Amino acid sequence: MTAQIAVKLPDSLLASVDELVERGVVESRSDAVRVGLGLLRQAADRQRIDEAFRSGFSRHPEGDDELADARRLAAEAIEDEPWEPWW
């Protein structure tokens, strides 16, 4: 299901949206609004998840064993990368 909404935009923002349509970045003004709202929703979801991690780590901070494991795993991941010489 979809719903139609009316949105008032300042002329400068509408001109920017029209430029995006003209350049083919989005298909239409409506598409620009959908894309923008989708990105806003994703950002809000990421912020909510980040806050949940911060809250969890505040209540249960990592101990020395977890930090040692994290360092070891990071070093192993770097060693496993197929680095090409830059020289």
PDB file of N, CA and C in Angstrom:
ATOM      1  N   MET A   1       0.828  -1.171   0.000  1.00  0.00           N
ATOM      2  CA  MET A   1       0.000   0.000   0.000  1.00  0.00           C
ATOM      3  C   MET A   1       0.878   1.242   0.000  1.00  0.00           C
ATOM      4  N   THR A   2       0.442   2.270  -0.643  1.00  0.00           N
ATOM      5  CA  THR A   2       1.155   3.538  -0.641  1.00  0.00           C
ATOM      6  C   THR A   2       0.193   4.641  -0.266  1.00  0.00           C
ATOM      7  N   ALA A   3       0.743   5.754   0.180  1.00  0.00           N
ATOM      8  CA  ALA A   3      -0.065   6.924   0.525  1.00  0.00           C
ATOM      9  C   ALA A   3       0.589   8.147  -0.086  1.00  0.00           C
ATOM     10  N   GLN A   4      -0.219   9.060  -0.511  1.00  0.00           N
ATOM     11  CA  GLN A   4       0.292  10.303  -1.084  1.00  0.00           C
ATOM     12  C   GLN A   4       0.324  11.349   0.016  1.00  0.00           C
ATOM     13  N   ILE A   5       1.419  12.117   0.059  1.00  0.00           N
ATOM     14  CA  ILE A   5       1.541  13.191   1.041  1.00  0.00           C
ATOM     15  C   ILE A   5       1.919  14.467   0.317  1.00  0.00           C
ATOM     16  N   ALA A   6       1.589  15.584   0.906  1.00  0.00           N
ATOM     17  CA  ALA A   6       1.977  16.887   0.354  1.00  0.00           C
ATOM     18  C   ALA A   6       3.153  17.398   1.170  1.00  0.00           C
ATOM     19  N   VAL A   7       4.161  17.873   0.472  1.00  0.00           N
ATOM     20  CA  VAL A   7       5.363  18.369   1.140  1.00  0.00           C
ATOM     21  C   VAL A   7       5.692  19.738   0.573  1.00  0.00           C
ATOM     22  N   LYS A   8       5.908  20.698   1.451  1.00  0.00           N
ATOM     23  CA  LYS A   8       6.340  22.026   1.021  1.00  0.00           C
ATOM     24  C   LYS A   8       7.862  22.088   1.162  1.00  0.00           C
ATOM     25  N   LEU A   9       8.521  22.514   0.087  1.00  0.00           N
ATOM     26  CA  LEU A   9       9.979  22.617   0.094  1.00  0.00           C
ATOM     27  C   LEU A   9      10.392  24.028  -0.285  1.00  0.00           C
ATOM     28  N   PRO A  10      11.477  24.511   0.299  1.00  0.00           N
ATOM     29  CA  PRO A  10      11.998  25.809  -0.134  1.00  0.00           C
ATOM     30  C   PRO A  10      12.456  25.718  -1.593  1.00  0.00           C
ATOM     31  N   ASP A  11      12.392  26.840  -2.292  1.00  0.00           N
ATOM     32  CA  ASP A  11      12.766  26.863  -3.711  1.00  0.00           C
ATOM     33  C   ASP A  11      14.165  26.312  -3.953  1.00  0.00           C
ATOM     34  N   SER A  12      15.105  26.627  -3.063  1.00  0.00           N
ATOM     35  CA  SER A  12      16.490  26.181  -3.274  1.00  0.00           C
ATOM     36  C   SER A  12      16.598  24.658  -3.183  1.00  0.00           C
ATOM     37  N   LEU A  13      15.873  24.064  -2.245  1.00  0.00           N
ATOM     38  CA  LEU A  13      15.912  22.610  -2.114  1.00  0.00           C
ATOM     39  C   LEU A  13      15.220  21.953  -3.295  1.00  0.00           C
ATOM     40  N   LEU A  14      14.106  22.505  -3.728  1.00  0.00           N
ATOM     41  CA  LEU A  14      13.393  21.965  -4.881  1.00  0.00           C
ATOM     42  C   LEU A  14      14.259  22.043  -6.138  1.00  0.00           C
ATOM     43  N   ALA A  15      15.002  23.136  -6.273  1.00  0.00           N
ATOM     44  CA  ALA A  15      15.918  23.258  -7.419  1.00  0.00           C
ATOM     45  C   ALA A  15      16.995  22.175  -7.362  1.00  0.00           C
ATOM     46  N   SER A  16      17.477  21.871  -6.170  1.00  0.00           N
ATOM     47  CA  SER A  16      18.483  20.808  -6.021  1.00  0.00           C
ATOM     48  C   SER A  16      17.895  19.452  -6.377  1.00  0.00           C
ATOM     49  N   VAL A  17      16.655  19.221  -5.967  1.00  0.00           N
ATOM     50  CA  VAL A  17      15.982  17.960  -6.295  1.00  0.00           C
ATOM     51  C   VAL A  17      15.803  17.855  -7.804  1.00  0.00           C
ATOM     52  N   ASP A  18      15.349  18.936  -8.418  1.00  0.00           N
ATOM     53  CA  ASP A  18      15.163  18.928  -9.872  1.00  0.00           C
ATOM     54  C   ASP A  18      16.482  18.679 -10.605  1.00  0.00           C
ATOM     55  N   GLU A  19      17.566  19.199 -10.073  1.00  0.00           N
ATOM     56  CA  GLU A  19      18.883  18.948 -10.673  1.00  0.00           C
ATOM     57  C   GLU A  19      19.246  17.467 -10.575  1.00  0.00           C
ATOM     58  N   LEU A  20      18.933  16.835  -9.438  1.00  0.00           N
ATOM     59  CA  LEU A  20      19.191  15.405  -9.287  1.00  0.00           C
ATOM     60  C   LEU A  20      18.375  14.597 -10.291  1.00  0.00           C
ATOM     61  N   VAL A  21      17.136  15.021 -10.519  1.00  0.00           N
ATOM     62  CA  VAL A  21      16.295  14.347 -11.509  1.00  0.00           C
ATOM     63  C   VAL A  21      16.893  14.536 -12.900  1.00  0.00           C
ATOM     64  N   GLU A  22      17.284  15.753 -13.212  1.00  0.00           N
ATOM     65  CA  GLU A  22      17.855  16.048 -14.526  1.00  0.00           C
ATOM     66  C   GLU A  22      19.131  15.251 -14.785  1.00  0.00           C
ATOM     67  N   ARG A  23      19.940  15.071 -13.759  1.00  0.00           N
ATOM     68  CA  ARG A  23      21.196  14.323 -13.913  1.00  0.00           C
ATOM     69  C   ARG A  23      20.979  12.816 -13.878  1.00  0.00           C
ATOM     70  N   GLY A  24      19.767  12.379 -13.589  1.00  0.00           N
ATOM     71  CA  GLY A  24      19.478  10.950 -13.570  1.00  0.00           C
ATOM     72  C   GLY A  24      19.834  10.264 -12.267  1.00  0.00           C
ATOM     73  N   VAL A  25      20.120  11.031 -11.232  1.00  0.00           N
ATOM     74  CA  VAL A  25      20.446  10.445  -9.929  1.00  0.00           C
ATOM     75  C   VAL A  25      19.202   9.780  -9.340  1.00  0.00           C
ATOM     76  N   VAL A  26      18.065  10.418  -9.507  1.00  0.00           N
ATOM     77  CA  VAL A  26      16.768   9.866  -9.113  1.00  0.00           C
ATOM     78  C   VAL A  26      15.826  10.018 -10.292  1.00  0.00           C
ATOM     79  N   GLU A  27      14.769   9.214 -10.299  1.00  0.00           N
ATOM     80  CA  GLU A  27      13.860   9.219 -11.442  1.00  0.00           C
ATOM     81  C   GLU A  27      12.895  10.393 -11.433  1.00  0.00           C
ATOM     82  N   SER A  28      12.526  10.863 -10.245  1.00  0.00           N
ATOM     83  CA  SER A  28      11.509  11.909 -10.146  1.00  0.00           C
ATOM     84  C   SER A  28      11.631  12.594  -8.787  1.00  0.00           C
ATOM     85  N   ARG A  29      10.854  13.648  -8.617  1.00  0.00           N
ATOM     86  CA  ARG A  29      10.807  14.297  -7.308  1.00  0.00           C
ATOM     87  C   ARG A  29      10.327  13.313  -6.247  1.00  0.00           C
ATOM     88  N   SER A  30       9.311  12.535  -6.585  1.00  0.00           N
ATOM     89  CA  SER A  30       8.795  11.546  -5.629  1.00  0.00           C
ATOM     90  C   SER A  30       9.869  10.531  -5.263  1.00  0.00           C
ATOM     91  N   ASP A  31      10.636  10.098  -6.262  1.00  0.00           N
ATOM     92  CA  ASP A  31      11.712   9.146  -6.009  1.00  0.00           C
ATOM     93  C   ASP A  31      12.752   9.768  -5.081  1.00  0.00           C
ATOM     94  N   ALA A  32      13.046  11.044  -5.288  1.00  0.00           N
ATOM     95  CA  ALA A  32      14.012  11.736  -4.427  1.00  0.00           C
ATOM     96  C   ALA A  32      13.533  11.744  -2.980  1.00  0.00           C
ATOM     97  N   VAL A  33      12.249  12.005  -2.780  1.00  0.00           N
ATOM     98  CA  VAL A  33      11.701  12.009  -1.425  1.00  0.00           C
ATOM     99  C   VAL A  33      11.777  10.608  -0.818  1.00  0.00           C
ATOM    100  N   ARG A  34      11.419   9.578  -1.608  1.00  0.00           N
ATOM    101  CA  ARG A  34      11.492   8.200  -1.105  1.00  0.00           C
ATOM    102  C   ARG A  34      12.926   7.830  -0.732  1.00  0.00           C
ATOM    103  N   VAL A  35      13.865   8.163  -1.617  1.00  0.00           N
ATOM    104  CA  VAL A  35      15.272   7.843  -1.344  1.00  0.00           C
ATOM    105  C   VAL A  35      15.749   8.579  -0.098  1.00  0.00           C
ATOM    106  N   GLY A  36      15.430   9.854  -0.006  1.00  0.00           N
ATOM    107  CA  GLY A  36      15.859  10.647   1.139  1.00  0.00           C
ATOM    108  C   GLY A  36      15.291  10.131   2.447  1.00  0.00           C
ATOM    109  N   LEU A  37      14.005   9.793   2.441  1.00  0.00           N
ATOM    110  CA  LEU A  37      13.392   9.257   3.660  1.00  0.00           C
ATOM    111  C   LEU A  37      13.964   7.888   4.008  1.00  0.00           C
ATOM    112  N   GLY A  38      14.270   7.099   3.004  1.00  0.00           N
ATOM    113  CA  GLY A  38      14.899   5.801   3.258  1.00  0.00           C
ATOM    114  C   GLY A  38      16.265   5.966   3.906  1.00  0.00           C
ATOM    115  N   LEU A  39      17.047   6.928   3.416  1.00  0.00           N
ATOM    116  CA  LEU A  39      18.367   7.182   4.008  1.00  0.00           C
ATOM    117  C   LEU A  39      18.236   7.704   5.430  1.00  0.00           C
ATOM    118  N   LEU A  40      17.246   8.550   5.662  1.00  0.00           N
ATOM    119  CA  LEU A  40      17.008   9.061   7.012  1.00  0.00           C
ATOM    120  C   LEU A  40      16.643   7.923   7.958  1.00  0.00           C
ATOM    121  N   ARG A  41      15.795   7.020   7.487  1.00  0.00           N
ATOM    122  CA  ARG A  41      15.407   5.864   8.302  1.00  0.00           C
ATOM    123  C   ARG A  41      16.619   4.978   8.600  1.00  0.00           C
ATOM    124  N   GLN A  42      17.480   4.739   7.593  1.00  0.00           N
ATOM    125  CA  GLN A  42      18.679   3.931   7.813  1.00  0.00           C
ATOM    126  C   GLN A  42      19.602   4.585   8.834  1.00  0.00           C
ATOM    127  N   ALA A  43      19.768   5.896   8.741  1.00  0.00           N
ATOM    128  CA  ALA A  43      20.625   6.611   9.690  1.00  0.00           C
ATOM    129  C   ALA A  43      20.066   6.497  11.108  1.00  0.00           C
ATOM    130  N   ALA A  44      18.745   6.625  11.241  1.00  0.00           N
ATOM    131  CA  ALA A  44      18.118   6.502  12.562  1.00  0.00           C
ATOM    132  C   ALA A  44      18.288   5.085  13.105  1.00  0.00           C
ATOM    133  N   ASP A  45      18.162   4.080  12.236  1.00  0.00           N
ATOM    134  CA  ASP A  45      18.364   2.690  12.671  1.00  0.00           C
ATOM    135  C   ASP A  45      19.797   2.473  13.128  1.00  0.00           C
ATOM    136  N   ARG A  46      20.766   3.000  12.368  1.00  0.00           N
ATOM    137  CA  ARG A  46      22.178   2.858  12.768  1.00  0.00           C
ATOM    138  C   ARG A  46      22.435   3.541  14.101  1.00  0.00           C
ATOM    139  N   GLN A  47      21.841   4.715  14.286  1.00  0.00           N
ATOM    140  CA  GLN A  47      22.020   5.444  15.536  1.00  0.00           C
ATOM    141  C   GLN A  47      21.436   4.651  16.707  1.00  0.00           C
ATOM    142  N   ARG A  48      20.266   4.048  16.512  1.00  0.00           N
ATOM    143  CA  ARG A  48      19.632   3.246  17.554  1.00  0.00           C
ATOM    144  C   ARG A  48      20.501   2.037  17.907  1.00  0.00           C
ATOM    145  N   ILE A  49      21.052   1.385  16.885  1.00  0.00           N
ATOM    146  CA  ILE A  49      21.908   0.214  17.118  1.00  0.00           C
ATOM    147  C   ILE A  49      23.198   0.628  17.820  1.00  0.00           C
ATOM    148  N   ASP A  50      23.800   1.741  17.377  1.00  0.00           N
ATOM    149  CA  ASP A  50      25.017   2.236  18.031  1.00  0.00           C
ATOM    150  C   ASP A  50      24.770   2.526  19.506  1.00  0.00           C
ATOM    151  N   GLU A  51      23.627   3.135  19.791  1.00  0.00           N
ATOM    152  CA  GLU A  51      23.303   3.448  21.182  1.00  0.00           C
ATOM    153  C   GLU A  51      23.116   2.172  21.998  1.00  0.00           C
ATOM    154  N   ALA A  52      22.520   1.154  21.396  1.00  0.00           N
ATOM    155  CA  ALA A  52      22.362  -0.123  22.101  1.00  0.00           C
ATOM    156  C   ALA A  52      23.724  -0.735  22.408  1.00  0.00           C
ATOM    157  N   PHE A  53      24.671  -0.656  21.460  1.00  0.00           N
ATOM    158  CA  PHE A  53      26.027  -1.162  21.723  1.00  0.00           C
ATOM    159  C   PHE A  53      26.692  -0.360  22.835  1.00  0.00           C
ATOM    160  N   ARG A  54      26.598   0.982  22.757  1.00  0.00           N
ATOM    161  CA  ARG A  54      27.209   1.822  23.798  1.00  0.00           C
ATOM    162  C   ARG A  54      26.640   1.483  25.164  1.00  0.00           C
ATOM    163  N   SER A  55      25.344   1.350  25.221  1.00  0.00           N
ATOM    164  CA  SER A  55      24.688   1.044  26.481  1.00  0.00           C
ATOM    165  C   SER A  55      25.134  -0.319  27.006  1.00  0.00           C
ATOM    166  N   GLY A  56      25.184  -1.303  26.113  1.00  0.00           N
ATOM    167  CA  GLY A  56      25.607  -2.638  26.524  1.00  0.00           C
ATOM    168  C   GLY A  56      27.034  -2.674  27.013  1.00  0.00           C
ATOM    169  N   PHE A  57      27.936  -1.996  26.284  1.00  0.00           N
ATOM    170  CA  PHE A  57      29.334  -1.988  26.708  1.00  0.00           C
ATOM    171  C   PHE A  57      29.530  -1.175  27.983  1.00  0.00           C
ATOM    172  N   SER A  58      28.672  -0.197  28.216  1.00  0.00           N
ATOM    173  CA  SER A  58      28.755   0.560  29.475  1.00  0.00           C
ATOM    174  C   SER A  58      28.368  -0.323  30.655  1.00  0.00           C
ATOM    175  N   ARG A  59      27.355  -1.152  30.448  1.00  0.00           N
ATOM    176  CA  ARG A  59      26.916  -2.052  31.526  1.00  0.00           C
ATOM    177  C   ARG A  59      27.860  -3.239  31.701  1.00  0.00           C
ATOM    178  N   HIS A  60      28.449  -3.698  30.601  1.00  0.00           N
ATOM    179  CA  HIS A  60      29.326  -4.879  30.632  1.00  0.00           C
ATOM    180  C   HIS A  60      30.590  -4.576  29.818  1.00  0.00           C
ATOM    181  N   PRO A  61      31.518  -3.796  30.402  1.00  0.00           N
ATOM    182  CA  PRO A  61      32.729  -3.442  29.638  1.00  0.00           C
ATOM    183  C   PRO A  61      33.589  -4.671  29.335  1.00  0.00           C
ATOM    184  N   GLU A  62      34.370  -4.531  28.263  1.00  0.00           N
ATOM    185  CA  GLU A  62      35.270  -5.621  27.887  1.00  0.00           C
ATOM    186  C   GLU A  62      36.359  -5.770  28.942  1.00  0.00           C
ATOM    187  N   GLY A  63      36.710  -7.002  29.206  1.00  0.00           N
ATOM    188  CA  GLY A  63      37.796  -7.275  30.139  1.00  0.00           C
ATOM    189  C   GLY A  63      39.101  -7.458  29.380  1.00  0.00           C
ATOM    190  N   ASP A  64      40.155  -7.714  30.106  1.00  0.00           N
ATOM    191  CA  ASP A  64      41.477  -7.882  29.500  1.00  0.00           C
ATOM    192  C   ASP A  64      41.500  -9.053  28.515  1.00  0.00           C
ATOM    193  N   ASP A  65      40.792 -10.137  28.840  1.00  0.00           N
ATOM    194  CA  ASP A  65      40.771 -11.301  27.951  1.00  0.00           C
ATOM    195  C   ASP A  65      40.111 -10.956  26.607  1.00  0.00           C
ATOM    196  N   GLU A  66      38.988 -10.242  26.658  1.00  0.00           N
ATOM    197  CA  GLU A  66      38.302  -9.871  25.413  1.00  0.00           C
ATOM    198  C   GLU A  66      39.150  -8.922  24.578  1.00  0.00           C
ATOM    199  N   LEU A  67      39.808  -7.985  25.229  1.00  0.00           N
ATOM    200  CA  LEU A  67      40.663  -7.046  24.495  1.00  0.00           C
ATOM    201  C   LEU A  67      41.854  -7.765  23.865  1.00  0.00           C
ATOM    202  N   ALA A  68      42.421  -8.728  24.568  1.00  0.00           N
ATOM    203  CA  ALA A  68      43.536  -9.499  24.016  1.00  0.00           C
ATOM    204  C   ALA A  68      43.069 -10.301  22.803  1.00  0.00           C
ATOM    205  N   ASP A  69      41.890 -10.905  22.901  1.00  0.00           N
ATOM    206  CA  ASP A  69      41.339 -11.646  21.762  1.00  0.00           C
ATOM    207  C   ASP A  69      41.090 -10.717  20.577  1.00  0.00           C
ATOM    208  N   ALA A  70      40.571  -9.530  20.838  1.00  0.00           N
ATOM    209  CA  ALA A  70      40.297  -8.574  19.762  1.00  0.00           C
ATOM    210  C   ALA A  70      41.589  -8.168  19.056  1.00  0.00           C
ATOM    211  N   ARG A  71      42.648  -7.915  19.830  1.00  0.00           N
ATOM    212  CA  ARG A  71      43.937  -7.553  19.220  1.00  0.00           C
ATOM    213  C   ARG A  71      44.483  -8.701  18.363  1.00  0.00           C
ATOM    214  N   ARG A  72      44.402  -9.923  18.908  1.00  0.00           N
ATOM    215  CA  ARG A  72      44.892 -11.092  18.179  1.00  0.00           C
ATOM    216  C   ARG A  72      44.112 -11.289  16.886  1.00  0.00           C
ATOM    217  N   LEU A  73      42.795 -11.199  16.952  1.00  0.00           N
ATOM    218  CA  LEU A  73      41.969 -11.392  15.756  1.00  0.00           C
ATOM    219  C   LEU A  73      42.218 -10.296  14.725  1.00  0.00           C
ATOM    220  N   ALA A  74      42.430  -9.071  15.183  1.00  0.00           N
ATOM    221  CA  ALA A  74      42.723  -7.979  14.253  1.00  0.00           C
ATOM    222  C   ALA A  74      44.057  -8.229  13.549  1.00  0.00           C
ATOM    223  N   ALA A  75      45.064  -8.655  14.307  1.00  0.00           N
ATOM    224  CA  ALA A  75      46.373  -8.944  13.706  1.00  0.00           C
ATOM    225  C   ALA A  75      46.271 -10.088  12.706  1.00  0.00           C
ATOM    226  N   GLU A  76      45.492 -11.121  13.035  1.00  0.00           N
ATOM    227  CA  GLU A  76      45.313 -12.247  12.104  1.00  0.00           C
ATOM    228  C   GLU A  76      44.596 -11.802  10.834  1.00  0.00           C
ATOM    229  N   ALA A  77      43.607 -10.939  10.977  1.00  0.00           N
ATOM    230  CA  ALA A  77      42.882 -10.450   9.805  1.00  0.00           C
ATOM    231  C   ALA A  77      43.801  -9.661   8.888  1.00  0.00           C
ATOM    232  N   ILE A  78      44.688  -8.861   9.472  1.00  0.00           N
ATOM    233  CA  ILE A  78      45.630  -8.083   8.672  1.00  0.00           C
ATOM    234  C   ILE A  78      46.616  -9.014   7.975  1.00  0.00           C
ATOM    235  N   GLU A  79      47.088 -10.019   8.686  1.00  0.00           N
ATOM    236  CA  GLU A  79      48.034 -10.971   8.100  1.00  0.00           C
ATOM    237  C   GLU A  79      47.391 -11.760   6.959  1.00  0.00           C
ATOM    238  N   ASP A  80      46.094 -12.024   7.048  1.00  0.00           N
ATOM    239  CA  ASP A  80      45.391 -12.804   6.022  1.00  0.00           C
ATOM    240  C   ASP A  80      45.091 -11.999   4.756  1.00  0.00           C
ATOM    241  N   GLU A  81      45.227 -10.674   4.816  1.00  0.00           N
ATOM    242  CA  GLU A  81      44.934  -9.844   3.646  1.00  0.00           C
ATOM    243  C   GLU A  81      45.985 -10.064   2.564  1.00  0.00           C
ATOM    244  N   PRO A  82      45.549 -10.118   1.306  1.00  0.00           N
ATOM    245  CA  PRO A  82      46.508 -10.305   0.204  1.00  0.00           C
ATOM    246  C   PRO A  82      47.141  -8.972  -0.187  1.00  0.00           C
ATOM    247  N   TRP A  83      48.000  -8.469   0.689  1.00  0.00           N
ATOM    248  CA  TRP A  83      48.624  -7.164   0.441  1.00  0.00           C
ATOM    249  C   TRP A  83      49.534  -7.227  -0.762  1.00  0.00           C
ATOM    250  N   GLU A  84      49.448  -6.210  -1.585  1.00  0.00           N
ATOM    251  CA  GLU A  84      50.362  -6.101  -2.716  1.00  0.00           C
ATOM    252  C   GLU A  84      51.387  -5.023  -2.380  1.00  0.00           C
ATOM    253  N   PRO A  85      52.639  -5.258  -2.713  1.00  0.00           N
ATOM    254  CA  PRO A  85      53.652  -4.238  -2.417  1.00  0.00           C
ATOM    255  C   PRO A  85      53.314  -2.928  -3.120  1.00  0.00           C
ATOM    256  N   TRP A  86      53.513  -1.837  -2.443  1.00  0.00           N
ATOM    257  CA  TRP A  86      53.250  -0.530  -3.032  1.00  0.00           C
ATOM    258  C   TRP A  86      54.515   0.084  -3.616  1.00  0.00           C
ATOM    259  N   TRP A  87      55.618  -0.580  -3.435  1.00  0.00           N
ATOM    260  CA  TRP A  87      56.883  -0.046  -3.959  1.00  0.00           C
ATOM    261  C   TRP A  87      57.271  -0.679  -5.245  1.00  0.00           C
TER     262      TRP A  87
END
